[in-house]
């Protein structure tokens, strides 16, 4: 799932991981662990909003 979001955002996996680290506090507050591969819908919505990705592109 993270790979698909990175592709939709036009980022590499590494760049996306760095972006996620910058938003780690919020992610942890909604229950996302740093090593988690599949993201809950709430996290996907947040990421799409922040990066300007249309959720239907995923």
C-alpha atoms as a PDB file:
ATOM      1  CA  UNK A   1       0.000   0.000   0.000  1.00  0.00           C
ATOM      2  CA  UNK A   2       2.772   2.465   0.852  1.00  0.00           C
ATOM      3  CA  UNK A   3       4.423   1.774  -2.507  1.00  0.00           C
ATOM      4  CA  UNK A   4       1.198   2.582  -4.364  1.00  0.00           C
ATOM      5  CA  UNK A   5       0.795   5.871  -2.514  1.00  0.00           C
ATOM      6  CA  UNK A   6       4.418   6.803  -3.206  1.00  0.00           C
ATOM      7  CA  UNK A   7       3.887   6.124  -6.923  1.00  0.00           C
ATOM      8  CA  UNK A   8       0.693   8.197  -6.996  1.00  0.00           C
ATOM      9  CA  UNK A   9       2.556  11.064  -5.302  1.00  0.00           C
ATOM     10  CA  UNK A  10       5.456  10.796  -7.754  1.00  0.00           C
ATOM     11  CA  UNK A  11       7.927   9.942  -4.994  1.00  0.00           C
ATOM     12  CA  UNK A  12      10.399   7.169  -4.449  1.00  0.00           C
ATOM     13  CA  UNK A  13       9.821   4.761  -1.565  1.00  0.00           C
ATOM     14  CA  UNK A  14      12.661   6.376   0.334  1.00  0.00           C
ATOM     15  CA  UNK A  15      11.327   9.909  -0.096  1.00  0.00           C
ATOM     16  CA  UNK A  16       7.861   8.775   0.959  1.00  0.00           C
ATOM     17  CA  UNK A  17       9.293   7.097   4.048  1.00  0.00           C
ATOM     18  CA  UNK A  18      11.045  10.337   4.953  1.00  0.00           C
ATOM     19  CA  UNK A  19       7.816  12.247   4.465  1.00  0.00           C
ATOM     20  CA  UNK A  20       6.034   9.796   6.761  1.00  0.00           C
ATOM     21  CA  UNK A  21       8.686  10.293   9.453  1.00  0.00           C
ATOM     22  CA  UNK A  22       7.852  13.987   9.427  1.00  0.00           C
ATOM     23  CA  UNK A  23       4.228  13.094  10.162  1.00  0.00           C
ATOM     24  CA  UNK A  24       4.960  10.304  12.645  1.00  0.00           C
ATOM     25  CA  UNK A  25       3.237  11.984  15.586  1.00  0.00           C
ATOM     26  CA  UNK A  26      -0.107  12.146  13.790  1.00  0.00           C
ATOM     27  CA  UNK A  27       0.271   8.654  12.359  1.00  0.00           C
ATOM     28  CA  UNK A  28       0.933   7.219  15.796  1.00  0.00           C
ATOM     29  CA  UNK A  29      -2.053   9.113  17.201  1.00  0.00           C
ATOM     30  CA  UNK A  30      -4.327   7.274  14.755  1.00  0.00           C
ATOM     31  CA  UNK A  31      -2.690   3.924  15.505  1.00  0.00           C
ATOM     32  CA  UNK A  32      -0.232   3.516  12.623  1.00  0.00           C
ATOM     33  CA  UNK A  33       3.071   1.898  13.546  1.00  0.00           C
ATOM     34  CA  UNK A  34       6.223   2.992  11.656  1.00  0.00           C
ATOM     35  CA  UNK A  35       6.835  -0.507  10.252  1.00  0.00           C
ATOM     36  CA  UNK A  36       3.225  -1.117   9.246  1.00  0.00           C
ATOM     37  CA  UNK A  37       2.846  -1.913   5.537  1.00  0.00           C
ATOM     38  CA  UNK A  38      -0.905  -1.764   5.134  1.00  0.00           C
ATOM     39  CA  UNK A  39      -2.400   1.522   6.204  1.00  0.00           C
ATOM     40  CA  UNK A  40      -5.878   1.987   7.647  1.00  0.00           C
ATOM     41  CA  UNK A  41      -8.327   4.066   5.595  1.00  0.00           C
ATOM     42  CA  UNK A  42      -8.002   7.054   7.925  1.00  0.00           C
ATOM     43  CA  UNK A  43      -4.237   7.195   7.319  1.00  0.00           C
ATOM     44  CA  UNK A  44      -4.694   6.870   3.549  1.00  0.00           C
ATOM     45  CA  UNK A  45      -7.205   9.730   3.544  1.00  0.00           C
ATOM     46  CA  UNK A  46      -4.822  11.929   5.536  1.00  0.00           C
ATOM     47  CA  UNK A  47      -1.865  11.180   3.267  1.00  0.00           C
ATOM     48  CA  UNK A  48      -3.899  11.748   0.117  1.00  0.00           C
ATOM     49  CA  UNK A  49      -5.165  15.066   1.457  1.00  0.00           C
ATOM     50  CA  UNK A  50      -1.701  16.238   2.469  1.00  0.00           C
ATOM     51  CA  UNK A  51      -0.040  15.215  -0.792  1.00  0.00           C
ATOM     52  CA  UNK A  52      -2.887  16.228  -3.094  1.00  0.00           C
ATOM     53  CA  UNK A  53      -3.583  12.713  -4.372  1.00  0.00           C
ATOM     54  CA  UNK A  54      -7.026  11.723  -5.624  1.00  0.00           C
ATOM     55  CA  UNK A  55      -7.999   8.663  -3.577  1.00  0.00           C
ATOM     56  CA  UNK A  56      -9.598   7.087  -6.620  1.00  0.00           C
ATOM     57  CA  UNK A  57      -6.160   6.917  -8.282  1.00  0.00           C
ATOM     58  CA  UNK A  58      -5.094   4.298  -5.752  1.00  0.00           C
END
